């Protein structure tokens, strides 16, 4: 009787993380699905996943969880994160620090926790969920872009360092995904005082986000990303990074073809008078 490989998925209580946990379980993995929402964790458990409460910024809790996984972690999928949409002048530094801790520092720490076992076995894969927002920057979401650019650097550097040990690191950059993140972006940008100098900008940003989310083919479903994760995990020699979603591929290509000033004009169209 073969032993099921162990997969650890963070941010598994919603969106991409939840869809990925379900896909990996259906493919025969023993999935440890972690997050912070008690009701969502209970639902995951009822579907046969090994659901655990975890704050990924709690270093001791991360070490304890990884140490309790019998046989070690064969697949790590770093999905934990949240959006931050606000003009950079007004970004709360505490929010930016938490975003960085949740997206970058936690992903690195989880990788550090599972790598000794992967190196010892001479195999393993770490899949980091980035974003096409790590390939270009746009106004209104600067804090988010800062972190996603960081995920690009983390993934590409780590990949080269651990490849000699038989460990693979792959970065997936999805385009906009239809998750509660979109709603939170719209609501956050609509919350402004009457005398807010960025008031008109925030209103137009939220309206543009809503309009784009309604267009066919612009956004993708969480399961589209989850299926991409499964393909990468199963691949014998996956590429270092992938873009998920045709609209994201088109945007990244467009950014590569235009100058910085042309890109600024394209992005600011409709956001300022």
C-alpha atoms as a PDB file:
ATOM      1  CA  UNK A   1       0.000   0.000   0.000  1.00  0.00           C
ATOM      2  CA  UNK A   2       1.550   3.288  -1.129  1.00  0.00           C
ATOM      3  CA  UNK A   3       1.800   6.192   1.291  1.00  0.00           C
ATOM      4  CA  UNK A   4       0.027   9.366   0.238  1.00  0.00           C
ATOM      5  CA  UNK A   5       2.336  12.359  -0.223  1.00  0.00           C
ATOM      6  CA  UNK A   6       1.768  15.215   2.223  1.00  0.00           C
ATOM      7  CA  UNK A   7       0.673  18.632   0.981  1.00  0.00           C
ATOM      8  CA  UNK A   8       0.513  21.742   3.167  1.00  0.00           C
ATOM      9  CA  UNK A   9      -1.688  24.553   1.854  1.00  0.00           C
ATOM     10  CA  UNK A  10      -1.877  27.941   3.586  1.00  0.00           C
ATOM     11  CA  UNK A  11      -4.758  30.370   3.194  1.00  0.00           C
ATOM     12  CA  UNK A  12      -6.971  27.325   2.677  1.00  0.00           C
ATOM     13  CA  UNK A  13     -10.155  28.715   4.189  1.00  0.00           C
ATOM     14  CA  UNK A  14     -11.193  30.600   1.049  1.00  0.00           C
ATOM     15  CA  UNK A  15     -10.395  31.413  -2.558  1.00  0.00           C
ATOM     16  CA  UNK A  16      -7.340  29.936  -4.241  1.00  0.00           C
ATOM     17  CA  UNK A  17      -6.147  28.140  -1.120  1.00  0.00           C
ATOM     18  CA  UNK A  18      -9.435  26.353  -0.558  1.00  0.00           C
ATOM     19  CA  UNK A  19      -9.753  25.334  -4.206  1.00  0.00           C
ATOM     20  CA  UNK A  20      -6.152  24.101  -4.213  1.00  0.00           C
ATOM     21  CA  UNK A  21      -6.635  22.032  -1.067  1.00  0.00           C
ATOM     22  CA  UNK A  22      -9.701  20.370  -2.598  1.00  0.00           C
ATOM     23  CA  UNK A  23      -7.900  19.654  -5.886  1.00  0.00           C
ATOM     24  CA  UNK A  24      -4.868  18.133  -4.202  1.00  0.00           C
ATOM     25  CA  UNK A  25      -7.019  15.952  -1.970  1.00  0.00           C
ATOM     26  CA  UNK A  26      -8.988  14.689  -4.974  1.00  0.00           C
ATOM     27  CA  UNK A  27      -5.669  13.873  -6.676  1.00  0.00           C
ATOM     28  CA  UNK A  28      -4.620  11.607  -3.824  1.00  0.00           C
ATOM     29  CA  UNK A  29      -2.628  13.877  -1.548  1.00  0.00           C
ATOM     30  CA  UNK A  30      -2.906  13.949   2.230  1.00  0.00           C
ATOM     31  CA  UNK A  31      -3.741  17.621   2.573  1.00  0.00           C
ATOM     32  CA  UNK A  32      -3.070  19.764   5.613  1.00  0.00           C
ATOM     33  CA  UNK A  33      -5.281  22.802   5.016  1.00  0.00           C
ATOM     34  CA  UNK A  34      -4.511  25.725   7.314  1.00  0.00           C
ATOM     35  CA  UNK A  35      -6.155  29.065   7.952  1.00  0.00           C
ATOM     36  CA  UNK A  36      -7.791  31.175  10.638  1.00  0.00           C
ATOM     37  CA  UNK A  37     -11.554  30.989   9.982  1.00  0.00           C
ATOM     38  CA  UNK A  38     -13.076  28.420  12.399  1.00  0.00           C
ATOM     39  CA  UNK A  39     -16.246  27.833  10.378  1.00  0.00           C
ATOM     40  CA  UNK A  40     -14.313  27.387   7.137  1.00  0.00           C
ATOM     41  CA  UNK A  41     -11.873  25.016   8.836  1.00  0.00           C
ATOM     42  CA  UNK A  42     -14.778  22.926  10.080  1.00  0.00           C
ATOM     43  CA  UNK A  43     -16.144  22.743   6.530  1.00  0.00           C
ATOM     44  CA  UNK A  44     -12.740  21.627   5.234  1.00  0.00           C
ATOM     45  CA  UNK A  45     -12.572  18.948   7.901  1.00  0.00           C
ATOM     46  CA  UNK A  46     -16.023  17.666   6.958  1.00  0.00           C
ATOM     47  CA  UNK A  47     -14.719  17.123   3.413  1.00  0.00           C
ATOM     48  CA  UNK A  48     -11.902  14.910   4.657  1.00  0.00           C
ATOM     49  CA  UNK A  49      -9.050  17.404   4.701  1.00  0.00           C
ATOM     50  CA  UNK A  50      -6.786  17.734   7.731  1.00  0.00           C
ATOM     51  CA  UNK A  51      -7.806  21.244   8.756  1.00  0.00           C
ATOM     52  CA  UNK A  52      -5.687  23.130  11.257  1.00  0.00           C
ATOM     53  CA  UNK A  53      -5.972  26.629  12.688  1.00  0.00           C
ATOM     54  CA  UNK A  54      -2.792  28.567  11.962  1.00  0.00           C
ATOM     55  CA  UNK A  55      -1.650  32.161  11.969  1.00  0.00           C
ATOM     56  CA  UNK A  56       1.182  31.993   9.443  1.00  0.00           C
ATOM     57  CA  UNK A  57       2.916  34.934  11.132  1.00  0.00           C
ATOM     58  CA  UNK A  58       3.228  32.935  14.384  1.00  0.00           C
ATOM     59  CA  UNK A  59       6.697  31.408  14.029  1.00  0.00           C
ATOM     60  CA  UNK A  60       6.374  28.956  16.918  1.00  0.00           C
ATOM     61  CA  UNK A  61       3.005  27.700  15.670  1.00  0.00           C
ATOM     62  CA  UNK A  62       4.406  27.159  12.172  1.00  0.00           C
ATOM     63  CA  UNK A  63       7.360  25.174  13.507  1.00  0.00           C
ATOM     64  CA  UNK A  64       5.066  23.055  15.675  1.00  0.00           C
ATOM     65  CA  UNK A  65       2.661  22.275  12.838  1.00  0.00           C
ATOM     66  CA  UNK A  66       5.379  21.265  10.375  1.00  0.00           C
ATOM     67  CA  UNK A  67       7.038  19.135  13.048  1.00  0.00           C
ATOM     68  CA  UNK A  68       3.793  17.242  13.638  1.00  0.00           C
ATOM     69  CA  UNK A  69       3.352  16.184   9.994  1.00  0.00           C
ATOM     70  CA  UNK A  70       4.399  12.545   9.897  1.00  0.00           C
ATOM     71  CA  UNK A  71       6.713  11.885   6.967  1.00  0.00           C
ATOM     72  CA  UNK A  72       7.374  15.553   6.311  1.00  0.00           C
ATOM     73  CA  UNK A  73       5.917  17.929   3.743  1.00  0.00           C
ATOM     74  CA  UNK A  74       6.247  16.913   0.091  1.00  0.00           C
ATOM     75  CA  UNK A  75       4.281  19.839  -1.336  1.00  0.00           C
ATOM     76  CA  UNK A  76       4.031  23.340   0.144  1.00  0.00           C
ATOM     77  CA  UNK A  77       1.602  25.791  -1.425  1.00  0.00           C
ATOM     78  CA  UNK A  78       1.900  29.333  -0.063  1.00  0.00           C
ATOM     79  CA  UNK A  79      -1.486  30.985  -0.627  1.00  0.00           C
ATOM     80  CA  UNK A  80      -1.937  33.098   2.506  1.00  0.00           C
ATOM     81  CA  UNK A  81      -2.435  36.796   1.875  1.00  0.00           C
ATOM     82  CA  UNK A  82      -4.849  39.690   1.649  1.00  0.00           C
ATOM     83  CA  UNK A  83      -5.289  42.785  -0.534  1.00  0.00           C
ATOM     84  CA  UNK A  84      -4.248  46.340   0.224  1.00  0.00           C
ATOM     85  CA  UNK A  85      -5.720  49.002  -2.029  1.00  0.00           C
ATOM     86  CA  UNK A  86      -5.052  52.591  -1.095  1.00  0.00           C
ATOM     87  CA  UNK A  87      -3.008  55.500  -2.443  1.00  0.00           C
ATOM     88  CA  UNK A  88       0.500  55.069  -1.066  1.00  0.00           C
ATOM     89  CA  UNK A  89       0.440  58.456   0.669  1.00  0.00           C
ATOM     90  CA  UNK A  90      -2.404  57.170   2.832  1.00  0.00           C
ATOM     91  CA  UNK A  91      -1.337  53.564   3.400  1.00  0.00           C
ATOM     92  CA  UNK A  92      -1.265  52.660   7.088  1.00  0.00           C
ATOM     93  CA  UNK A  93       2.248  51.405   7.745  1.00  0.00           C
ATOM     94  CA  UNK A  94       0.910  48.821  10.195  1.00  0.00           C
ATOM     95  CA  UNK A  95      -1.228  47.370   7.396  1.00  0.00           C
ATOM     96  CA  UNK A  96       1.738  47.283   5.032  1.00  0.00           C
ATOM     97  CA  UNK A  97       3.912  45.551   7.638  1.00  0.00           C
ATOM     98  CA  UNK A  98       1.203  42.935   8.262  1.00  0.00           C
ATOM     99  CA  UNK A  99       0.801  42.381   4.523  1.00  0.00           C
ATOM    100  CA  UNK A 100       4.548  41.881   4.150  1.00  0.00           C
ATOM    101  CA  UNK A 101       4.650  39.532   7.146  1.00  0.00           C
ATOM    102  CA  UNK A 102       1.718  37.481   5.845  1.00  0.00           C
ATOM    103  CA  UNK A 103       2.761  37.279   2.200  1.00  0.00           C
ATOM    104  CA  UNK A 104       6.557  37.320   2.174  1.00  0.00           C
ATOM    105  CA  UNK A 105       7.993  36.593   5.613  1.00  0.00           C
ATOM    106  CA  UNK A 106       5.501  33.798   6.297  1.00  0.00           C
ATOM    107  CA  UNK A 107       6.111  32.203   2.900  1.00  0.00           C
ATOM    108  CA  UNK A 108       9.850  32.257   3.552  1.00  0.00           C
ATOM    109  CA  UNK A 109       9.487  30.885   7.074  1.00  0.00           C
ATOM    110  CA  UNK A 110       7.227  28.046   5.932  1.00  0.00           C
ATOM    111  CA  UNK A 111       9.771  27.248   3.234  1.00  0.00           C
ATOM    112  CA  UNK A 112      12.555  27.247   5.824  1.00  0.00           C
ATOM    113  CA  UNK A 113      10.498  24.888   7.989  1.00  0.00           C
ATOM    114  CA  UNK A 114       9.886  22.287   5.264  1.00  0.00           C
ATOM    115  CA  UNK A 115      13.207  22.493   3.403  1.00  0.00           C
ATOM    116  CA  UNK A 116      15.354  20.380   5.766  1.00  0.00           C
ATOM    117  CA  UNK A 117      13.074  17.388   5.195  1.00  0.00           C
ATOM    118  CA  UNK A 118      12.882  18.006   1.465  1.00  0.00           C
ATOM    119  CA  UNK A 119      16.666  18.228   1.211  1.00  0.00           C
ATOM    120  CA  UNK A 120      17.078  15.025   3.191  1.00  0.00           C
ATOM    121  CA  UNK A 121      14.669  13.170   0.891  1.00  0.00           C
ATOM    122  CA  UNK A 122      16.094  14.794  -2.233  1.00  0.00           C
ATOM    123  CA  UNK A 123      12.652  15.817  -3.440  1.00  0.00           C
ATOM    124  CA  UNK A 124       9.819  18.227  -2.828  1.00  0.00           C
ATOM    125  CA  UNK A 125       8.126  21.223  -4.384  1.00  0.00           C
ATOM    126  CA  UNK A 126       7.220  24.668  -3.091  1.00  0.00           C
ATOM    127  CA  UNK A 127       4.547  26.521  -5.057  1.00  0.00           C
ATOM    128  CA  UNK A 128       4.223  30.226  -4.324  1.00  0.00           C
ATOM    129  CA  UNK A 129       1.072  32.032  -5.395  1.00  0.00           C
ATOM    130  CA  UNK A 130       2.139  35.412  -6.686  1.00  0.00           C
ATOM    131  CA  UNK A 131       0.222  37.677  -9.045  1.00  0.00           C
ATOM    132  CA  UNK A 132       0.574  39.408 -12.365  1.00  0.00           C
ATOM    133  CA  UNK A 133       0.696  42.388 -10.000  1.00  0.00           C
ATOM    134  CA  UNK A 134       4.287  41.305  -9.426  1.00  0.00           C
ATOM    135  CA  UNK A 135       5.064  41.906 -13.102  1.00  0.00           C
ATOM    136  CA  UNK A 136       3.775  45.488 -13.343  1.00  0.00           C
ATOM    137  CA  UNK A 137       2.617  48.254 -11.005  1.00  0.00           C
ATOM    138  CA  UNK A 138      -0.549  50.315 -11.135  1.00  0.00           C
ATOM    139  CA  UNK A 139      -1.915  53.261  -9.121  1.00  0.00           C
ATOM    140  CA  UNK A 140      -4.203  52.530  -6.201  1.00  0.00           C
ATOM    141  CA  UNK A 141      -2.644  49.223  -5.170  1.00  0.00           C
ATOM    142  CA  UNK A 142       0.985  50.150  -4.613  1.00  0.00           C
ATOM    143  CA  UNK A 143       1.284  48.300  -1.313  1.00  0.00           C
ATOM    144  CA  UNK A 144       0.005  45.105  -2.902  1.00  0.00           C
ATOM    145  CA  UNK A 145       2.425  45.467  -5.819  1.00  0.00           C
ATOM    146  CA  UNK A 146       5.374  46.003  -3.470  1.00  0.00           C
ATOM    147  CA  UNK A 147       4.669  42.664  -1.808  1.00  0.00           C
ATOM    148  CA  UNK A 148       3.990  40.765  -5.029  1.00  0.00           C
ATOM    149  CA  UNK A 149       7.236  42.035  -6.553  1.00  0.00           C
ATOM    150  CA  UNK A 150       8.856  40.672  -3.411  1.00  0.00           C
ATOM    151  CA  UNK A 151       7.290  37.264  -4.012  1.00  0.00           C
ATOM    152  CA  UNK A 152       8.892  37.223  -7.464  1.00  0.00           C
ATOM    153  CA  UNK A 153      12.338  37.825  -5.964  1.00  0.00           C
ATOM    154  CA  UNK A 154      11.797  35.326  -3.155  1.00  0.00           C
ATOM    155  CA  UNK A 155      10.706  32.560  -5.502  1.00  0.00           C
ATOM    156  CA  UNK A 156      13.380  33.029  -8.144  1.00  0.00           C
ATOM    157  CA  UNK A 157      16.215  33.313  -5.610  1.00  0.00           C
ATOM    158  CA  UNK A 158      15.045  30.341  -3.553  1.00  0.00           C
ATOM    159  CA  UNK A 159      14.579  28.220  -6.673  1.00  0.00           C
ATOM    160  CA  UNK A 160      18.223  28.588  -7.679  1.00  0.00           C
ATOM    161  CA  UNK A 161      19.469  27.915  -4.150  1.00  0.00           C
ATOM    162  CA  UNK A 162      17.575  24.669  -3.524  1.00  0.00           C
ATOM    163  CA  UNK A 163      17.590  23.150  -7.020  1.00  0.00           C
ATOM    164  CA  UNK A 164      20.864  21.249  -6.376  1.00  0.00           C
ATOM    165  CA  UNK A 165      19.082  19.371  -3.571  1.00  0.00           C
ATOM    166  CA  UNK A 166      16.304  18.119  -5.846  1.00  0.00           C
ATOM    167  CA  UNK A 167      13.769  20.631  -4.518  1.00  0.00           C
ATOM    168  CA  UNK A 168      11.688  22.623  -6.989  1.00  0.00           C
ATOM    169  CA  UNK A 169      10.263  26.101  -6.446  1.00  0.00           C
ATOM    170  CA  UNK A 170       7.587  27.360  -8.820  1.00  0.00           C
ATOM    171  CA  UNK A 171       5.864  30.738  -8.909  1.00  0.00           C
ATOM    172  CA  UNK A 172       2.311  31.036 -10.229  1.00  0.00           C
ATOM    173  CA  UNK A 173       1.182  34.532 -11.218  1.00  0.00           C
ATOM    174  CA  UNK A 174      -2.605  34.563 -11.649  1.00  0.00           C
ATOM    175  CA  UNK A 175      -4.450  37.431 -13.236  1.00  0.00           C
ATOM    176  CA  UNK A 176      -7.353  38.919 -11.248  1.00  0.00           C
ATOM    177  CA  UNK A 177      -9.192  36.114  -9.458  1.00  0.00           C
ATOM    178  CA  UNK A 178     -12.878  36.204  -8.599  1.00  0.00           C
ATOM    179  CA  UNK A 179     -12.643  36.047  -4.802  1.00  0.00           C
ATOM    180  CA  UNK A 180     -13.877  38.160  -1.857  1.00  0.00           C
ATOM    181  CA  UNK A 181     -10.697  40.208  -2.442  1.00  0.00           C
ATOM    182  CA  UNK A 182     -12.438  42.048  -5.282  1.00  0.00           C
ATOM    183  CA  UNK A 183     -15.353  43.072  -3.088  1.00  0.00           C
ATOM    184  CA  UNK A 184     -13.024  44.232  -0.337  1.00  0.00           C
ATOM    185  CA  UNK A 185     -11.083  46.349  -2.839  1.00  0.00           C
ATOM    186  CA  UNK A 186     -14.245  48.073  -4.001  1.00  0.00           C
ATOM    187  CA  UNK A 187     -15.464  48.724  -0.469  1.00  0.00           C
ATOM    188  CA  UNK A 188     -12.085  49.977   0.742  1.00  0.00           C
ATOM    189  CA  UNK A 189     -11.717  52.494  -2.059  1.00  0.00           C
ATOM    190  CA  UNK A 190     -15.262  53.789  -1.571  1.00  0.00           C
ATOM    191  CA  UNK A 191     -14.523  54.586   2.094  1.00  0.00           C
ATOM    192  CA  UNK A 192     -13.254  58.159   2.131  1.00  0.00           C
ATOM    193  CA  UNK A 193     -14.041  61.476   3.795  1.00  0.00           C
ATOM    194  CA  UNK A 194     -15.658  64.331   1.839  1.00  0.00           C
ATOM    195  CA  UNK A 195     -12.441  66.353   2.052  1.00  0.00           C
ATOM    196  CA  UNK A 196     -10.194  63.456   1.000  1.00  0.00           C
ATOM    197  CA  UNK A 197      -7.849  64.747  -1.752  1.00  0.00           C
ATOM    198  CA  UNK A 198      -7.905  61.241  -3.249  1.00  0.00           C
ATOM    199  CA  UNK A 199     -11.700  60.939  -3.032  1.00  0.00           C
ATOM    200  CA  UNK A 200     -12.388  61.144  -6.769  1.00  0.00           C
ATOM    201  CA  UNK A 201      -9.505  58.799  -7.497  1.00  0.00           C
ATOM    202  CA  UNK A 202     -10.822  56.204  -5.025  1.00  0.00           C
ATOM    203  CA  UNK A 203     -14.336  56.395  -6.438  1.00  0.00           C
ATOM    204  CA  UNK A 204     -13.115  55.923  -9.995  1.00  0.00           C
ATOM    205  CA  UNK A 205     -10.747  53.141  -8.950  1.00  0.00           C
ATOM    206  CA  UNK A 206     -13.614  51.249  -7.316  1.00  0.00           C
ATOM    207  CA  UNK A 207     -15.864  51.830 -10.325  1.00  0.00           C
ATOM    208  CA  UNK A 208     -13.161  50.601 -12.709  1.00  0.00           C
ATOM    209  CA  UNK A 209     -12.606  47.505 -10.573  1.00  0.00           C
ATOM    210  CA  UNK A 210     -16.323  46.751 -10.574  1.00  0.00           C
ATOM    211  CA  UNK A 211     -16.567  47.276 -14.331  1.00  0.00           C
ATOM    212  CA  UNK A 212     -13.589  45.041 -15.069  1.00  0.00           C
ATOM    213  CA  UNK A 213     -14.867  42.304 -12.764  1.00  0.00           C
ATOM    214  CA  UNK A 214     -18.091  42.204 -14.766  1.00  0.00           C
ATOM    215  CA  UNK A 215     -16.313  41.779 -18.114  1.00  0.00           C
ATOM    216  CA  UNK A 216     -16.125  38.292 -19.501  1.00  0.00           C
ATOM    217  CA  UNK A 217     -12.630  36.829 -19.675  1.00  0.00           C
ATOM    218  CA  UNK A 218     -10.948  39.420 -17.465  1.00  0.00           C
ATOM    219  CA  UNK A 219     -11.148  37.525 -14.189  1.00  0.00           C
ATOM    220  CA  UNK A 220     -10.623  33.840 -13.497  1.00  0.00           C
ATOM    221  CA  UNK A 221     -12.074  31.493 -10.900  1.00  0.00           C
ATOM    222  CA  UNK A 222     -10.041  30.170  -7.947  1.00  0.00           C
ATOM    223  CA  UNK A 223     -10.316  26.647  -9.335  1.00  0.00           C
ATOM    224  CA  UNK A 224      -8.497  27.748 -12.496  1.00  0.00           C
ATOM    225  CA  UNK A 225      -5.475  28.535 -10.338  1.00  0.00           C
ATOM    226  CA  UNK A 226      -5.946  25.340  -8.325  1.00  0.00           C
ATOM    227  CA  UNK A 227      -5.838  23.263 -11.503  1.00  0.00           C
ATOM    228  CA  UNK A 228      -2.633  25.048 -12.501  1.00  0.00           C
ATOM    229  CA  UNK A 229      -1.130  24.184  -9.104  1.00  0.00           C
ATOM    230  CA  UNK A 230      -1.992  20.518  -9.600  1.00  0.00           C
ATOM    231  CA  UNK A 231      -0.421  20.485 -13.081  1.00  0.00           C
ATOM    232  CA  UNK A 232       2.765  22.031 -11.706  1.00  0.00           C
ATOM    233  CA  UNK A 233       2.955  19.597  -8.794  1.00  0.00           C
ATOM    234  CA  UNK A 234       2.541  16.652 -11.166  1.00  0.00           C
ATOM    235  CA  UNK A 235       5.034  17.932 -13.754  1.00  0.00           C
ATOM    236  CA  UNK A 236       8.433  16.253 -13.917  1.00  0.00           C
ATOM    237  CA  UNK A 237      10.227  19.448 -14.870  1.00  0.00           C
ATOM    238  CA  UNK A 238       8.001  22.499 -14.304  1.00  0.00           C
ATOM    239  CA  UNK A 239       9.047  25.947 -15.471  1.00  0.00           C
ATOM    240  CA  UNK A 240      10.235  28.446 -12.837  1.00  0.00           C
ATOM    241  CA  UNK A 241       7.057  30.516 -13.200  1.00  0.00           C
ATOM    242  CA  UNK A 242       3.741  30.610 -14.976  1.00  0.00           C
ATOM    243  CA  UNK A 243       1.105  33.231 -15.685  1.00  0.00           C
ATOM    244  CA  UNK A 244      -2.422  31.920 -15.114  1.00  0.00           C
ATOM    245  CA  UNK A 245      -5.181  33.543 -17.162  1.00  0.00           C
ATOM    246  CA  UNK A 246      -5.205  34.906 -20.695  1.00  0.00           C
ATOM    247  CA  UNK A 247      -5.954  38.487 -19.642  1.00  0.00           C
ATOM    248  CA  UNK A 248      -2.922  38.443 -17.358  1.00  0.00           C
ATOM    249  CA  UNK A 249      -0.691  37.171 -20.143  1.00  0.00           C
ATOM    250  CA  UNK A 250      -1.929  39.950 -22.425  1.00  0.00           C
ATOM    251  CA  UNK A 251      -1.335  42.621 -19.780  1.00  0.00           C
ATOM    252  CA  UNK A 252       2.193  41.435 -18.996  1.00  0.00           C
ATOM    253  CA  UNK A 253       3.014  41.372 -22.708  1.00  0.00           C
ATOM    254  CA  UNK A 254       1.583  44.857 -23.192  1.00  0.00           C
ATOM    255  CA  UNK A 255       3.659  46.181 -20.303  1.00  0.00           C
ATOM    256  CA  UNK A 256       6.819  44.758 -21.866  1.00  0.00           C
ATOM    257  CA  UNK A 257       6.105  46.490 -25.171  1.00  0.00           C
ATOM    258  CA  UNK A 258       5.496  50.061 -23.990  1.00  0.00           C
ATOM    259  CA  UNK A 259       7.608  52.699 -22.275  1.00  0.00           C
ATOM    260  CA  UNK A 260       7.110  53.678 -18.640  1.00  0.00           C
ATOM    261  CA  UNK A 261       5.409  56.934 -19.615  1.00  0.00           C
ATOM    262  CA  UNK A 262       3.074  55.227 -22.057  1.00  0.00           C
ATOM    263  CA  UNK A 263       2.162  52.692 -19.376  1.00  0.00           C
ATOM    264  CA  UNK A 264       1.410  55.500 -16.914  1.00  0.00           C
ATOM    265  CA  UNK A 265      -0.931  57.147 -19.401  1.00  0.00           C
ATOM    266  CA  UNK A 266      -2.751  53.880 -20.049  1.00  0.00           C
ATOM    267  CA  UNK A 267      -3.251  53.189 -16.350  1.00  0.00           C
ATOM    268  CA  UNK A 268      -4.316  56.697 -15.398  1.00  0.00           C
ATOM    269  CA  UNK A 269      -6.925  56.894 -18.128  1.00  0.00           C
ATOM    270  CA  UNK A 270     -10.246  57.343 -16.354  1.00  0.00           C
ATOM    271  CA  UNK A 271      -8.721  57.705 -12.887  1.00  0.00           C
ATOM    272  CA  UNK A 272      -7.948  61.421 -13.073  1.00  0.00           C
ATOM    273  CA  UNK A 273      -9.558  64.348 -14.837  1.00  0.00           C
END
